[in-house]
């Protein structure tokens, strides 16, 4: 069995987006059970100068399919659009991102290896190859934002654990 760039990028993004979607469902149910408004979670932050929960969730989509679309175009810039102001809006972002990932063909993604692209932020830029950008910039950012979203839910008192973050583990019986 050969290992491909596609396998290093797309399935891990899909798995984590799926677990984030499940966490959003649990967060919405938690708000109902605890009789708290959704904004209490959507606007929560670990510290005052950090982006809120909704931004963290949006950024997981941005650093998965958004980054892949940036490699396609040859340029990626931060997404400054509002993240969404409801669990439904955030869920849609994750579901849409996952659907777009599912539509990718392995050949296209494997062809990103060595493809020149540029990360642009304001008047600054950094040149990458598609594979280097996805593995050393977007993937770490993706996991940072997914983990921060999970941490914010824990901070808000949700009874979730590591398996809620990791998702389904395909165990085999011996």
Protein backbone atom coordinates (compact mmCIF):
# COMPACT_ATOMS: atom_id res chain seq x y z
CA UNK A 1 0.00 0.00 0.00
CA UNK A 2 1.44 3.35 -0.96
CA UNK A 3 1.09 6.48 1.11
CA UNK A 4 -0.01 9.61 -0.73
CA UNK A 5 -0.09 13.31 -0.03
CA UNK A 6 -3.87 13.13 -0.38
CA UNK A 7 -4.03 10.60 2.50
CA UNK A 8 -1.92 12.88 4.69
CA UNK A 9 -4.22 15.84 4.15
CA UNK A 10 -7.81 15.13 3.18
CA UNK A 11 -8.95 12.25 5.48
CA UNK A 12 -7.54 13.91 8.65
CA UNK A 13 -9.35 17.14 7.76
CA UNK A 14 -12.58 15.20 7.15
CA UNK A 15 -12.37 13.30 10.42
CA UNK A 16 -11.80 16.40 12.53
CA UNK A 17 -14.49 18.41 10.73
CA UNK A 18 -16.90 15.54 11.47
CA UNK A 19 -16.02 15.57 15.17
CA UNK A 20 -16.35 19.37 15.30
CA UNK A 21 -19.81 19.06 13.74
CA UNK A 22 -20.78 16.57 16.46
CA UNK A 23 -19.38 18.93 19.11
CA UNK A 24 -21.55 21.75 17.73
CA UNK A 25 -24.63 19.53 18.08
CA UNK A 26 -23.66 18.76 21.68
CA UNK A 27 -23.02 22.45 22.38
CA UNK A 28 -26.45 23.42 21.09
CA UNK A 29 -28.08 20.71 23.23
CA UNK A 30 -26.02 21.87 26.21
CA UNK A 31 -27.34 25.42 25.81
CA UNK A 32 -30.91 24.11 25.85
CA UNK A 33 -30.31 21.84 28.86
CA UNK A 34 -28.53 24.54 30.85
CA UNK A 35 -30.93 27.28 29.72
CA UNK A 36 -28.12 29.48 28.46
CA UNK A 37 -28.12 31.50 25.28
CA UNK A 38 -26.05 30.22 22.34
CA UNK A 39 -24.05 33.47 22.35
CA UNK A 40 -22.64 32.43 25.74
CA UNK A 41 -20.70 29.75 23.86
CA UNK A 42 -20.41 31.33 20.40
CA UNK A 43 -18.77 34.45 21.81
CA UNK A 44 -16.69 32.73 24.50
CA UNK A 45 -12.93 33.26 24.57
CA UNK A 46 -10.09 31.71 26.53
CA UNK A 47 -8.62 35.19 27.07
CA UNK A 48 -9.80 38.64 26.07
CA UNK A 49 -7.38 39.11 23.16
CA UNK A 50 -8.19 35.75 21.54
CA UNK A 51 -10.82 35.14 18.87
CA UNK A 52 -14.13 33.65 20.07
CA UNK A 53 -15.48 30.13 19.67
CA UNK A 54 -17.37 30.92 16.44
CA UNK A 55 -14.14 32.17 14.84
CA UNK A 56 -12.29 29.02 15.94
CA UNK A 57 -14.88 26.81 14.25
CA UNK A 58 -14.91 28.91 11.07
CA UNK A 59 -11.12 28.79 10.95
CA UNK A 60 -11.13 24.99 10.92
CA UNK A 61 -13.08 25.18 7.66
CA UNK A 62 -10.78 27.93 6.34
CA UNK A 63 -7.61 25.95 7.05
CA UNK A 64 -9.00 22.79 5.47
CA UNK A 65 -10.95 23.32 2.25
CA UNK A 66 -10.13 27.04 2.20
CA UNK A 67 -6.41 26.27 2.20
CA UNK A 68 -6.84 23.67 -0.52
CA UNK A 69 -8.74 26.21 -2.63
CA UNK A 70 -5.88 28.67 -1.99
CA UNK A 71 -3.36 26.14 -3.28
CA UNK A 72 -5.58 25.64 -6.34
CA UNK A 73 -5.56 29.40 -6.99
CA UNK A 74 -1.88 29.74 -6.13
CA UNK A 75 -2.61 32.20 -3.32
CA UNK A 76 -4.10 32.07 0.16
CA UNK A 77 -5.02 35.01 2.38
CA UNK A 78 -6.73 35.05 5.77
CA UNK A 79 -10.53 34.95 5.61
CA UNK A 80 -11.93 38.02 7.35
CA UNK A 81 -15.61 37.25 6.77
CA UNK A 82 -17.79 36.99 9.87
CA UNK A 83 -17.79 33.46 11.28
CA UNK A 84 -21.53 33.03 11.69
CA UNK A 85 -23.75 33.89 14.61
CA UNK A 86 -25.52 30.58 15.24
CA UNK A 87 -24.79 26.90 15.67
CA UNK A 88 -26.69 26.30 12.42
CA UNK A 89 -24.46 28.71 10.47
CA UNK A 90 -21.29 27.14 11.87
CA UNK A 91 -22.58 23.63 11.25
CA UNK A 92 -23.30 24.57 7.64
CA UNK A 93 -19.70 25.82 7.22
CA UNK A 94 -18.33 22.52 8.52
CA UNK A 95 -20.72 20.34 6.53
CA UNK A 96 -20.03 22.32 3.34
CA UNK A 97 -16.26 22.11 3.93
CA UNK A 98 -16.50 18.36 4.47
CA UNK A 99 -18.60 17.92 1.32
CA UNK A 100 -16.06 19.90 -0.71
CA UNK A 101 -13.25 17.75 0.70
CA UNK A 102 -15.18 14.59 -0.22
CA UNK A 103 -15.46 15.85 -3.80
CA UNK A 104 -11.68 16.19 -4.18
CA UNK A 105 -9.88 13.65 -6.28
CA UNK A 106 -6.64 12.17 -4.98
CA UNK A 107 -4.80 13.05 -8.20
CA UNK A 108 -5.55 16.77 -7.88
CA UNK A 109 -4.37 16.87 -4.27
CA UNK A 110 -1.30 14.74 -4.98
CA UNK A 111 -0.42 17.21 -7.75
CA UNK A 112 -0.13 19.99 -5.13
CA UNK A 113 3.30 18.59 -4.24
CA UNK A 114 5.83 21.12 -5.51
CA UNK A 115 3.14 23.51 -6.85
CA UNK A 116 4.19 27.10 -6.13
CA UNK A 117 1.78 29.24 -4.14
CA UNK A 118 1.86 32.36 -2.02
CA UNK A 119 0.45 33.23 1.39
CA UNK A 120 -0.48 36.92 1.45
CA UNK A 121 -1.39 38.94 4.53
CA UNK A 122 -1.75 42.64 3.89
CA UNK A 123 1.42 43.86 2.18
CA UNK A 124 3.42 40.85 3.38
CA UNK A 125 3.76 37.47 1.72
CA UNK A 126 5.51 34.13 2.02
CA UNK A 127 6.15 31.74 -0.84
CA UNK A 128 5.46 28.04 -0.37
CA UNK A 129 4.87 24.92 -2.35
CA UNK A 130 1.33 23.57 -2.01
CA UNK A 131 2.46 20.57 0.03
CA UNK A 132 4.65 22.64 2.33
CA UNK A 133 1.89 25.21 2.89
CA UNK A 134 -0.72 22.59 3.73
CA UNK A 135 1.55 20.56 6.01
CA UNK A 136 3.45 23.31 7.82
CA UNK A 137 0.98 26.20 7.88
CA UNK A 138 -2.63 25.19 7.34
CA UNK A 139 -2.66 21.81 9.06
CA UNK A 140 -1.14 23.16 12.32
CA UNK A 141 -3.57 26.11 12.18
CA UNK A 142 -6.45 23.71 11.53
CA UNK A 143 -5.64 21.66 14.63
CA UNK A 144 -4.99 24.78 16.72
CA UNK A 145 -8.47 26.13 15.95
CA UNK A 146 -10.20 22.75 16.36
CA UNK A 147 -8.48 22.20 19.72
CA UNK A 148 -9.28 25.73 20.89
CA UNK A 149 -12.97 25.22 20.03
CA UNK A 150 -12.93 21.96 22.04
CA UNK A 151 -11.17 23.69 24.95
CA UNK A 152 -13.74 26.49 25.00
CA UNK A 153 -16.56 23.94 25.28
CA UNK A 154 -14.76 22.24 28.17
CA UNK A 155 -14.23 25.63 29.82
CA UNK A 156 -17.97 26.27 29.55
CA UNK A 157 -18.61 23.09 31.54
CA UNK A 158 -19.59 20.64 28.83
CA UNK A 159 -19.08 16.99 29.78
CA UNK A 160 -16.99 16.05 26.77
CA UNK A 161 -13.75 14.13 26.66
CA UNK A 162 -10.89 13.12 24.46
CA UNK A 163 -13.00 10.69 22.44
CA UNK A 164 -15.33 13.59 21.54
CA UNK A 165 -12.33 15.36 20.02
CA UNK A 166 -10.70 12.34 18.40
CA UNK A 167 -13.91 10.90 17.00
CA UNK A 168 -14.56 7.30 16.13
CA UNK A 169 -11.52 5.10 16.62
CA UNK A 170 -11.61 2.02 14.35
CA UNK A 171 -10.70 -0.67 16.89
CA UNK A 172 -10.08 -4.25 15.87
CA UNK A 173 -10.56 -7.16 18.23
CA UNK A 174 -7.65 -9.58 18.70
